[in-house]
Amino acid sequence: MHSEVSVTLSPQQEFRFDLEGAPPMTHEAGRRWLDEQFTKLDCEPLRASGKVLLADKVLTVARAAGASLLADPDWSREFARASSAALAKPVVRVDIPAMAVSF
C-alpha cells in the first residue's frame, strides 16, 4: 500500500515524503515523537480548551517546523513516519494555510 505525507506551507511550497521502504513506527512511538517535537518546538494548543487532538499536533508541529526542518531529510522522514503512525493513516495531507489535516 502506498504511504506518504505531504505538507503545504503555501501555494508555492509543498513538501512530499514517500514512506515506501521506511520502517513503520508503532502508534505509540508516533505519538511520543510528536509529543516530544510539540514541546521542543514550543507549540501552542489550537483550541481554547487546551485540548490537543493528534491531528492538531501534526498540524502545529509542521507549522512550527517550517521549511527549514521540513527540508531536513532526517527530521522530515521521522515527522512523516510519526504522523502516519499516530493518525493510523497511510496518506496524510497537512495544509498549513487552511489549518487542515486530511487523509
PDB file of N, CA and C in Angstrom:
ATOM      1  N   MET A   1       0.839  -1.177   0.000  1.00  0.00           N
ATOM      2  CA  MET A   1       0.000   0.000   0.000  1.00  0.00           C
ATOM      3  C   MET A   1       0.884   1.240   0.000  1.00  0.00           C
ATOM      4  N   HIS A   2       0.516   2.210  -0.838  1.00  0.00           N
ATOM      5  CA  HIS A   2       1.262   3.463  -0.931  1.00  0.00           C
ATOM      6  C   HIS A   2       1.079   4.269   0.352  1.00  0.00           C
ATOM      7  N   SER A   3       2.167   4.837   0.842  1.00  0.00           N
ATOM      8  CA  SER A   3       2.116   5.625   2.064  1.00  0.00           C
ATOM      9  C   SER A   3       2.935   6.896   1.871  1.00  0.00           C
ATOM     10  N   GLU A   4       2.300   8.056   2.129  1.00  0.00           N
ATOM     11  CA  GLU A   4       3.015   9.323   2.005  1.00  0.00           C
ATOM     12  C   GLU A   4       2.381  10.381   2.895  1.00  0.00           C
ATOM     13  N   VAL A   5       3.199  11.355   3.216  1.00  0.00           N
ATOM     14  CA  VAL A   5       2.740  12.515   3.977  1.00  0.00           C
ATOM     15  C   VAL A   5       3.146  13.736   3.166  1.00  0.00           C
ATOM     16  N   SER A   6       2.219  14.676   3.015  1.00  0.00           N
ATOM     17  CA  SER A   6       2.559  15.924   2.330  1.00  0.00           C
ATOM     18  C   SER A   6       2.205  17.094   3.238  1.00  0.00           C
ATOM     19  N   VAL A   7       3.015  18.143   3.140  1.00  0.00           N
ATOM     20  CA  VAL A   7       2.792  19.360   3.920  1.00  0.00           C
ATOM     21  C   VAL A   7       2.829  20.539   2.967  1.00  0.00           C
ATOM     22  N   THR A   8       1.744  21.306   2.946  1.00  0.00           N
ATOM     23  CA  THR A   8       1.683  22.520   2.140  1.00  0.00           C
ATOM     24  C   THR A   8       1.895  23.704   3.074  1.00  0.00           C
ATOM     25  N   LEU A   9       2.974  24.457   2.817  1.00  0.00           N
ATOM     26  CA  LEU A   9       3.241  25.659   3.615  1.00  0.00           C
ATOM     27  C   LEU A   9       2.625  26.895   2.972  1.00  0.00           C
ATOM     28  N   SER A  10       2.560  26.891   1.649  1.00  0.00           N
ATOM     29  CA  SER A  10       1.954  27.978   0.885  1.00  0.00           C
ATOM     30  C   SER A  10       1.595  27.408  -0.476  1.00  0.00           C
ATOM     31  N   PRO A  11       0.841  28.156  -1.284  1.00  0.00           N
ATOM     32  CA  PRO A  11       0.519  27.629  -2.614  1.00  0.00           C
ATOM     33  C   PRO A  11       1.764  27.311  -3.453  1.00  0.00           C
ATOM     34  N   GLN A  12       2.862  27.954  -3.150  1.00  0.00           N
ATOM     35  CA  GLN A  12       4.098  27.744  -3.902  1.00  0.00           C
ATOM     36  C   GLN A  12       5.065  26.748  -3.243  1.00  0.00           C
ATOM     37  N   GLN A  13       4.758  26.308  -2.042  1.00  0.00           N
ATOM     38  CA  GLN A  13       5.716  25.467  -1.322  1.00  0.00           C
ATOM     39  C   GLN A  13       5.031  24.263  -0.686  1.00  0.00           C
ATOM     40  N   GLU A  14       5.370  23.096  -1.238  1.00  0.00           N
ATOM     41  CA  GLU A  14       4.818  21.849  -0.716  1.00  0.00           C
ATOM     42  C   GLU A  14       5.939  20.836  -0.564  1.00  0.00           C
ATOM     43  N   PHE A  15       5.872  20.077   0.509  1.00  0.00           N
ATOM     44  CA  PHE A  15       6.837  19.010   0.773  1.00  0.00           C
ATOM     45  C   PHE A  15       6.097  17.682   0.732  1.00  0.00           C
ATOM     46  N   ARG A  16       6.679  16.690   0.042  1.00  0.00           N
ATOM     47  CA  ARG A  16       6.087  15.348  -0.032  1.00  0.00           C
ATOM     48  C   ARG A  16       7.111  14.345   0.473  1.00  0.00           C
ATOM     49  N   PHE A  17       6.639  13.443   1.313  1.00  0.00           N
ATOM     50  CA  PHE A  17       7.506  12.428   1.902  1.00  0.00           C
ATOM     51  C   PHE A  17       6.940  11.051   1.604  1.00  0.00           C
ATOM     52  N   ASP A  18       7.614  10.322   0.742  1.00  0.00           N
ATOM     53  CA  ASP A  18       7.204   8.967   0.369  1.00  0.00           C
ATOM     54  C   ASP A  18       7.752   8.023   1.432  1.00  0.00           C
ATOM     55  N   LEU A  19       6.892   7.228   2.025  1.00  0.00           N
ATOM     56  CA  LEU A  19       7.309   6.325   3.099  1.00  0.00           C
ATOM     57  C   LEU A  19       7.583   4.901   2.622  1.00  0.00           C
ATOM     58  N   GLU A  20       7.599   4.687   1.312  1.00  0.00           N
ATOM     59  CA  GLU A  20       7.878   3.347   0.802  1.00  0.00           C
ATOM     60  C   GLU A  20       9.285   2.927   1.233  1.00  0.00           C
ATOM     61  N   GLY A  21       9.365   1.781   1.829  1.00  0.00           N
ATOM     62  CA  GLY A  21      10.649   1.260   2.292  1.00  0.00           C
ATOM     63  C   GLY A  21      11.061   1.734   3.672  1.00  0.00           C
ATOM     64  N   ALA A  22      10.347   2.701   4.223  1.00  0.00           N
ATOM     65  CA  ALA A  22      10.686   3.193   5.560  1.00  0.00           C
ATOM     66  C   ALA A  22      10.057   2.262   6.593  1.00  0.00           C
ATOM     67  N   PRO A  23      10.825   1.894   7.610  1.00  0.00           N
ATOM     68  CA  PRO A  23      10.233   1.032   8.637  1.00  0.00           C
ATOM     69  C   PRO A  23       9.109   1.774   9.361  1.00  0.00           C
ATOM     70  N   PRO A  24       7.953   1.131   9.521  1.00  0.00           N
ATOM     71  CA  PRO A  24       6.845   1.822  10.177  1.00  0.00           C
ATOM     72  C   PRO A  24       7.089   2.004  11.669  1.00  0.00           C
ATOM     73  N   MET A  25       6.507   3.049  12.208  1.00  0.00           N
ATOM     74  CA  MET A  25       6.525   3.294  13.651  1.00  0.00           C
ATOM     75  C   MET A  25       5.256   2.694  14.232  1.00  0.00           C
ATOM     76  N   THR A  26       5.313   2.337  15.481  1.00  0.00           N
ATOM     77  CA  THR A  26       4.086   1.940  16.163  1.00  0.00           C
ATOM     78  C   THR A  26       3.272   3.199  16.444  1.00  0.00           C
ATOM     79  N   HIS A  27       1.998   3.004  16.707  1.00  0.00           N
ATOM     80  CA  HIS A  27       1.118   4.130  17.027  1.00  0.00           C
ATOM     81  C   HIS A  27       1.675   4.905  18.223  1.00  0.00           C
ATOM     82  N   GLU A  28       2.078   4.183  19.262  1.00  0.00           N
ATOM     83  CA  GLU A  28       2.588   4.827  20.479  1.00  0.00           C
ATOM     84  C   GLU A  28       3.897   5.566  20.219  1.00  0.00           C
ATOM     85  N   ALA A  29       4.784   4.992  19.426  1.00  0.00           N
ATOM     86  CA  ALA A  29       6.054   5.656  19.105  1.00  0.00           C
ATOM     87  C   ALA A  29       5.799   6.937  18.311  1.00  0.00           C
ATOM     88  N   GLY A  30       4.843   6.907  17.401  1.00  0.00           N
ATOM     89  CA  GLY A  30       4.487   8.103  16.640  1.00  0.00           C
ATOM     90  C   GLY A  30       3.939   9.202  17.530  1.00  0.00           C
ATOM     91  N   ARG A  31       3.064   8.825  18.443  1.00  0.00           N
ATOM     92  CA  ARG A  31       2.508   9.802  19.401  1.00  0.00           C
ATOM     93  C   ARG A  31       3.614  10.403  20.261  1.00  0.00           C
ATOM     94  N   ARG A  32       4.497   9.549  20.741  1.00  0.00           N
ATOM     95  CA  ARG A  32       5.586  10.010  21.600  1.00  0.00           C
ATOM     96  C   ARG A  32       6.501  10.987  20.853  1.00  0.00           C
ATOM     97  N   TRP A  33       6.849  10.650  19.603  1.00  0.00           N
ATOM     98  CA  TRP A  33       7.722  11.522  18.809  1.00  0.00           C
ATOM     99  C   TRP A  33       7.052  12.881  18.596  1.00  0.00           C
ATOM    100  N   LEU A  34       5.768  12.878  18.244  1.00  0.00           N
ATOM    101  CA  LEU A  34       5.051  14.141  18.047  1.00  0.00           C
ATOM    102  C   LEU A  34       4.957  14.937  19.350  1.00  0.00           C
ATOM    103  N   ASP A  35       4.744  14.259  20.469  1.00  0.00           N
ATOM    104  CA  ASP A  35       4.711  14.933  21.778  1.00  0.00           C
ATOM    105  C   ASP A  35       6.041  15.636  22.049  1.00  0.00           C
ATOM    106  N   GLU A  36       7.130  14.925  21.793  1.00  0.00           N
ATOM    107  CA  GLU A  36       8.467  15.495  22.023  1.00  0.00           C
ATOM    108  C   GLU A  36       8.698  16.725  21.150  1.00  0.00           C
ATOM    109  N   GLN A  37       8.326  16.638  19.878  1.00  0.00           N
ATOM    110  CA  GLN A  37       8.514  17.769  18.968  1.00  0.00           C
ATOM    111  C   GLN A  37       7.591  18.931  19.317  1.00  0.00           C
ATOM    112  N   PHE A  38       6.385  18.636  19.751  1.00  0.00           N
ATOM    113  CA  PHE A  38       5.439  19.671  20.165  1.00  0.00           C
ATOM    114  C   PHE A  38       6.052  20.512  21.282  1.00  0.00           C
ATOM    115  N   THR A  39       6.664  19.844  22.233  1.00  0.00           N
ATOM    116  CA  THR A  39       7.318  20.534  23.349  1.00  0.00           C
ATOM    117  C   THR A  39       8.593  21.240  22.894  1.00  0.00           C
ATOM    118  N   LYS A  40       9.429  20.538  22.150  1.00  0.00           N
ATOM    119  CA  LYS A  40      10.718  21.080  21.696  1.00  0.00           C
ATOM    120  C   LYS A  40      10.541  22.334  20.836  1.00  0.00           C
ATOM    121  N   LEU A  41       9.504  22.346  19.990  1.00  0.00           N
ATOM    122  CA  LEU A  41       9.279  23.474  19.091  1.00  0.00           C
ATOM    123  C   LEU A  41       8.376  24.549  19.697  1.00  0.00           C
ATOM    124  N   ASP A  42       8.075  24.422  21.003  1.00  0.00           N
ATOM    125  CA  ASP A  42       7.241  25.402  21.719  1.00  0.00           C
ATOM    126  C   ASP A  42       5.892  25.641  21.046  1.00  0.00           C
ATOM    127  N   CYS A  43       5.237  24.567  20.649  1.00  0.00           N
ATOM    128  CA  CYS A  43       3.927  24.664  20.007  1.00  0.00           C
ATOM    129  C   CYS A  43       2.859  25.011  21.051  1.00  0.00           C
ATOM    130  N   GLU A  44       1.834  25.679  20.583  1.00  0.00           N
ATOM    131  CA  GLU A  44       0.705  26.058  21.432  1.00  0.00           C
ATOM    132  C   GLU A  44      -0.539  25.290  20.986  1.00  0.00           C
ATOM    133  N   PRO A  45      -1.400  24.898  21.924  1.00  0.00           N
ATOM    134  CA  PRO A  45      -2.663  24.242  21.531  1.00  0.00           C
ATOM    135  C   PRO A  45      -3.499  25.159  20.645  1.00  0.00           C
ATOM    136  N   LEU A  46      -4.188  24.575  19.676  1.00  0.00           N
ATOM    137  CA  LEU A  46      -5.043  25.350  18.772  1.00  0.00           C
ATOM    138  C   LEU A  46      -6.382  25.695  19.404  1.00  0.00           C
ATOM    139  N   ARG A  47      -6.818  24.891  20.349  1.00  0.00           N
ATOM    140  CA  ARG A  47      -8.147  25.052  20.934  1.00  0.00           C
ATOM    141  C   ARG A  47      -8.072  25.807  22.256  1.00  0.00           C
ATOM    142  N   ALA A  48      -9.054  26.645  22.486  1.00  0.00           N
ATOM    143  CA  ALA A  48      -9.106  27.435  23.727  1.00  0.00           C
ATOM    144  C   ALA A  48      -9.169  26.541  24.957  1.00  0.00           C
ATOM    145  N   SER A  49      -9.718  25.345  24.808  1.00  0.00           N
ATOM    146  CA  SER A  49      -9.823  24.417  25.935  1.00  0.00           C
ATOM    147  C   SER A  49      -8.465  23.865  26.349  1.00  0.00           C
ATOM    148  N   GLY A  50      -7.474  24.007  25.468  1.00  0.00           N
ATOM    149  CA  GLY A  50      -6.155  23.450  25.754  1.00  0.00           C
ATOM    150  C   GLY A  50      -6.013  22.011  25.320  1.00  0.00           C
ATOM    151  N   LYS A  51      -7.113  21.401  24.893  1.00  0.00           N
ATOM    152  CA  LYS A  51      -7.077  20.015  24.436  1.00  0.00           C
ATOM    153  C   LYS A  51      -6.351  19.953  23.091  1.00  0.00           C
ATOM    154  N   VAL A  52      -5.455  18.980  22.946  1.00  0.00           N
ATOM    155  CA  VAL A  52      -4.686  18.848  21.716  1.00  0.00           C
ATOM    156  C   VAL A  52      -4.999  17.500  21.086  1.00  0.00           C
ATOM    157  N   LEU A  53      -5.717  17.516  19.971  1.00  0.00           N
ATOM    158  CA  LEU A  53      -6.004  16.305  19.231  1.00  0.00           C
ATOM    159  C   LEU A  53      -4.768  15.903  18.431  1.00  0.00           C
ATOM    160  N   LEU A  54      -4.660  14.639  18.074  1.00  0.00           N
ATOM    161  CA  LEU A  54      -3.493  14.186  17.310  1.00  0.00           C
ATOM    162  C   LEU A  54      -3.339  14.955  16.004  1.00  0.00           C
ATOM    163  N   ALA A  55      -4.442  15.179  15.298  1.00  0.00           N
ATOM    164  CA  ALA A  55      -4.361  15.925  14.035  1.00  0.00           C
ATOM    165  C   ALA A  55      -3.876  17.353  14.296  1.00  0.00           C
ATOM    166  N   ASP A  56      -4.313  17.965  15.393  1.00  0.00           N
ATOM    167  CA  ASP A  56      -3.839  19.305  15.755  1.00  0.00           C
ATOM    168  C   ASP A  56      -2.337  19.293  16.027  1.00  0.00           C
ATOM    169  N   LYS A  57      -1.883  18.240  16.665  1.00  0.00           N
ATOM    170  CA  LYS A  57      -0.460  18.132  16.988  1.00  0.00           C
ATOM    171  C   LYS A  57       0.372  18.027  15.712  1.00  0.00           C
ATOM    172  N   VAL A  58      -0.084  17.208  14.765  1.00  0.00           N
ATOM    173  CA  VAL A  58       0.609  17.085  13.477  1.00  0.00           C
ATOM    174  C   VAL A  58       0.657  18.450  12.793  1.00  0.00           C
ATOM    175  N   LEU A  59      -0.456  19.146  12.783  1.00  0.00           N
ATOM    176  CA  LEU A  59      -0.548  20.457  12.135  1.00  0.00           C
ATOM    177  C   LEU A  59       0.369  21.478  12.791  1.00  0.00           C
ATOM    178  N   THR A  60       0.334  21.575  14.100  1.00  0.00           N
ATOM    179  CA  THR A  60       1.139  22.591  14.784  1.00  0.00           C
ATOM    180  C   THR A  60       2.629  22.270  14.738  1.00  0.00           C
ATOM    181  N   VAL A  61       2.974  21.002  14.789  1.00  0.00           N
ATOM    182  CA  VAL A  61       4.399  20.628  14.667  1.00  0.00           C
ATOM    183  C   VAL A  61       4.901  20.981  13.271  1.00  0.00           C
ATOM    184  N   ALA A  62       4.123  20.674  12.236  1.00  0.00           N
ATOM    185  CA  ALA A  62       4.520  21.012  10.864  1.00  0.00           C
ATOM    186  C   ALA A  62       4.661  22.522  10.690  1.00  0.00           C
ATOM    187  N   ARG A  63       3.712  23.271  11.241  1.00  0.00           N
ATOM    188  CA  ARG A  63       3.765  24.735  11.142  1.00  0.00           C
ATOM    189  C   ARG A  63       4.995  25.284  11.851  1.00  0.00           C
ATOM    190  N   ALA A  64       5.273  24.792  13.053  1.00  0.00           N
ATOM    191  CA  ALA A  64       6.434  25.274  13.813  1.00  0.00           C
ATOM    192  C   ALA A  64       7.744  24.856  13.158  1.00  0.00           C
ATOM    193  N   ALA A  65       7.757  23.694  12.533  1.00  0.00           N
ATOM    194  CA  ALA A  65       8.981  23.212  11.879  1.00  0.00           C
ATOM    195  C   ALA A  65       9.355  24.105  10.708  1.00  0.00           C
ATOM    196  N   GLY A  66       8.358  24.523   9.953  1.00  0.00           N
ATOM    197  CA  GLY A  66       8.619  25.389   8.805  1.00  0.00           C
ATOM    198  C   GLY A  66       9.482  24.724   7.747  1.00  0.00           C
ATOM    199  N   ALA A  67       9.840  25.500   6.772  1.00  0.00           N
ATOM    200  CA  ALA A  67      10.595  24.982   5.632  1.00  0.00           C
ATOM    201  C   ALA A  67      11.963  24.430   6.032  1.00  0.00           C
ATOM    202  N   SER A  68      12.598  25.021   7.037  1.00  0.00           N
ATOM    203  CA  SER A  68      13.951  24.578   7.392  1.00  0.00           C
ATOM    204  C   SER A  68      13.975  23.138   7.895  1.00  0.00           C
ATOM    205  N   LEU A  69      13.092  22.791   8.817  1.00  0.00           N
ATOM    206  CA  LEU A  69      13.083  21.405   9.307  1.00  0.00           C
ATOM    207  C   LEU A  69      12.433  20.452   8.308  1.00  0.00           C
ATOM    208  N   LEU A  70      11.419  20.917   7.591  1.00  0.00           N
ATOM    209  CA  LEU A  70      10.785  20.047   6.593  1.00  0.00           C
ATOM    210  C   LEU A  70      11.747  19.711   5.459  1.00  0.00           C
ATOM    211  N   ALA A  71      12.719  20.566   5.225  1.00  0.00           N
ATOM    212  CA  ALA A  71      13.729  20.307   4.193  1.00  0.00           C
ATOM    213  C   ALA A  71      14.844  19.396   4.700  1.00  0.00           C
ATOM    214  N   ASP A  72      14.927  19.187   6.007  1.00  0.00           N
ATOM    215  CA  ASP A  72      15.943  18.308   6.585  1.00  0.00           C
ATOM    216  C   ASP A  72      15.494  16.862   6.373  1.00  0.00           C
ATOM    217  N   PRO A  73      16.252  16.069   5.611  1.00  0.00           N
ATOM    218  CA  PRO A  73      15.790  14.713   5.283  1.00  0.00           C
ATOM    219  C   PRO A  73      15.582  13.804   6.498  1.00  0.00           C
ATOM    220  N   ASP A  74      16.413  13.916   7.505  1.00  0.00           N
ATOM    221  CA  ASP A  74      16.265  13.057   8.686  1.00  0.00           C
ATOM    222  C   ASP A  74      15.039  13.448   9.503  1.00  0.00           C
ATOM    223  N   TRP A  75      14.901  14.753   9.781  1.00  0.00           N
ATOM    224  CA  TRP A  75      13.766  15.206  10.580  1.00  0.00           C
ATOM    225  C   TRP A  75      12.455  14.940   9.847  1.00  0.00           C
ATOM    226  N   SER A  76      12.403  15.268   8.568  1.00  0.00           N
ATOM    227  CA  SER A  76      11.154  15.118   7.821  1.00  0.00           C
ATOM    228  C   SER A  76      10.738  13.656   7.684  1.00  0.00           C
ATOM    229  N   ARG A  77      11.691  12.760   7.568  1.00  0.00           N
ATOM    230  CA  ARG A  77      11.368  11.326   7.485  1.00  0.00           C
ATOM    231  C   ARG A  77      10.718  10.867   8.790  1.00  0.00           C
ATOM    232  N   GLU A  78      11.274  11.306   9.917  1.00  0.00           N
ATOM    233  CA  GLU A  78      10.696  10.953  11.216  1.00  0.00           C
ATOM    234  C   GLU A  78       9.320  11.596  11.394  1.00  0.00           C
ATOM    235  N   PHE A  79       9.170  12.841  10.961  1.00  0.00           N
ATOM    236  CA  PHE A  79       7.881  13.511  11.041  1.00  0.00           C
ATOM    237  C   PHE A  79       6.834  12.740  10.242  1.00  0.00           C
ATOM    238  N   ALA A  80       7.178  12.351   9.036  1.00  0.00           N
ATOM    239  CA  ALA A  80       6.240  11.621   8.182  1.00  0.00           C
ATOM    240  C   ALA A  80       5.886  10.268   8.793  1.00  0.00           C
ATOM    241  N   ARG A  81       6.878   9.543   9.268  1.00  0.00           N
ATOM    242  CA  ARG A  81       6.627   8.238   9.893  1.00  0.00           C
ATOM    243  C   ARG A  81       5.735   8.392  11.120  1.00  0.00           C
ATOM    244  N   ALA A  82       6.045   9.386  11.968  1.00  0.00           N
ATOM    245  CA  ALA A  82       5.292   9.598  13.200  1.00  0.00           C
ATOM    246  C   ALA A  82       3.860  10.032  12.900  1.00  0.00           C
ATOM    247  N   SER A  83       3.684  10.909  11.937  1.00  0.00           N
ATOM    248  CA  SER A  83       2.345  11.388  11.589  1.00  0.00           C
ATOM    249  C   SER A  83       1.479  10.253  11.073  1.00  0.00           C
ATOM    250  N   SER A  84       2.027   9.464  10.160  1.00  0.00           N
ATOM    251  CA  SER A  84       1.284   8.343   9.595  1.00  0.00           C
ATOM    252  C   SER A  84       0.928   7.328  10.682  1.00  0.00           C
ATOM    253  N   ALA A  85       1.863   7.048  11.570  1.00  0.00           N
ATOM    254  CA  ALA A  85       1.625   6.067  12.633  1.00  0.00           C
ATOM    255  C   ALA A  85       0.629   6.580  13.669  1.00  0.00           C
ATOM    256  N   ALA A  86       0.804   7.816  14.121  1.00  0.00           N
ATOM    257  CA  ALA A  86      -0.068   8.361  15.165  1.00  0.00           C
ATOM    258  C   ALA A  86      -1.508   8.492  14.677  1.00  0.00           C
ATOM    259  N   LEU A  87      -1.673   8.868  13.420  1.00  0.00           N
ATOM    260  CA  LEU A  87      -3.026   9.038  12.875  1.00  0.00           C
ATOM    261  C   LEU A  87      -3.574   7.737  12.288  1.00  0.00           C
ATOM    262  N   ALA A  88      -2.730   6.716  12.201  1.00  0.00           N
ATOM    263  CA  ALA A  88      -3.123   5.410  11.653  1.00  0.00           C
ATOM    264  C   ALA A  88      -3.694   5.539  10.241  1.00  0.00           C
ATOM    265  N   LYS A  89      -3.033   6.376   9.428  1.00  0.00           N
ATOM    266  CA  LYS A  89      -3.457   6.596   8.046  1.00  0.00           C
ATOM    267  C   LYS A  89      -2.233   6.501   7.133  1.00  0.00           C
ATOM    268  N   PRO A  90      -2.358   5.799   6.005  1.00  0.00           N
ATOM    269  CA  PRO A  90      -1.214   5.689   5.099  1.00  0.00           C
ATOM    270  C   PRO A  90      -0.937   6.979   4.319  1.00  0.00           C
ATOM    271  N   VAL A  91      -1.961   7.781   4.074  1.00  0.00           N
ATOM    272  CA  VAL A  91      -1.790   9.037   3.339  1.00  0.00           C
ATOM    273  C   VAL A  91      -2.314  10.172   4.212  1.00  0.00           C
ATOM    274  N   VAL A  92      -1.428  11.129   4.493  1.00  0.00           N
ATOM    275  CA  VAL A  92      -1.778  12.271   5.336  1.00  0.00           C
ATOM    276  C   VAL A  92      -1.399  13.540   4.585  1.00  0.00           C
ATOM    277  N   ARG A  93      -2.340  14.478   4.518  1.00  0.00           N
ATOM    278  CA  ARG A  93      -2.093  15.765   3.873  1.00  0.00           C
ATOM    279  C   ARG A  93      -2.280  16.867   4.916  1.00  0.00           C
ATOM    280  N   VAL A  94      -1.226  17.655   5.098  1.00  0.00           N
ATOM    281  CA  VAL A  94      -1.241  18.751   6.066  1.00  0.00           C
ATOM    282  C   VAL A  94      -1.230  20.059   5.278  1.00  0.00           C
ATOM    283  N   ASP A  95      -2.262  20.854   5.434  1.00  0.00           N
ATOM    284  CA  ASP A  95      -2.386  22.123   4.717  1.00  0.00           C
ATOM    285  C   ASP A  95      -2.314  23.248   5.750  1.00  0.00           C
ATOM    286  N   ILE A  96      -1.151  23.867   5.852  1.00  0.00           N
ATOM    287  CA  ILE A  96      -0.924  24.901   6.868  1.00  0.00           C
ATOM    288  C   ILE A  96      -1.798  26.140   6.605  1.00  0.00           C
ATOM    289  N   PRO A  97      -1.866  26.693   5.371  1.00  0.00           N
ATOM    290  CA  PRO A  97      -2.705  27.872   5.182  1.00  0.00           C
ATOM    291  C   PRO A  97      -4.174  27.626   5.536  1.00  0.00           C
ATOM    292  N   ALA A  98      -4.685  26.441   5.264  1.00  0.00           N
ATOM    293  CA  ALA A  98      -6.084  26.121   5.580  1.00  0.00           C
ATOM    294  C   ALA A  98      -6.243  25.602   7.003  1.00  0.00           C
ATOM    295  N   MET A  99      -5.120  25.363   7.703  1.00  0.00           N
ATOM    296  CA  MET A  99      -5.122  24.801   9.048  1.00  0.00           C
ATOM    297  C   MET A  99      -5.950  23.504   9.072  1.00  0.00           C
ATOM    298  N   ALA A 100      -5.622  22.598   8.131  1.00  0.00           N
ATOM    299  CA  ALA A 100      -6.385  21.362   7.985  1.00  0.00           C
ATOM    300  C   ALA A 100      -5.466  20.166   7.777  1.00  0.00           C
ATOM    301  N   VAL A 101      -5.917  19.037   8.289  1.00  0.00           N
ATOM    302  CA  VAL A 101      -5.258  17.753   8.056  1.00  0.00           C
ATOM    303  C   VAL A 101      -6.308  16.860   7.428  1.00  0.00           C
ATOM    304  N   SER A 102      -5.958  16.233   6.303  1.00  0.00           N
ATOM    305  CA  SER A 102      -6.898  15.329   5.650  1.00  0.00           C
ATOM    306  C   SER A 102      -6.191  14.009   5.351  1.00  0.00           C
ATOM    307  N   PHE A 103      -7.004  12.991   5.070  1.00  0.00           N
ATOM    308  CA  PHE A 103      -6.485  11.641   4.875  1.00  0.00           C
ATOM    309  C   PHE A 103      -6.906  11.110   3.514  1.00  0.00           C
TER     310      PHE A 103
END
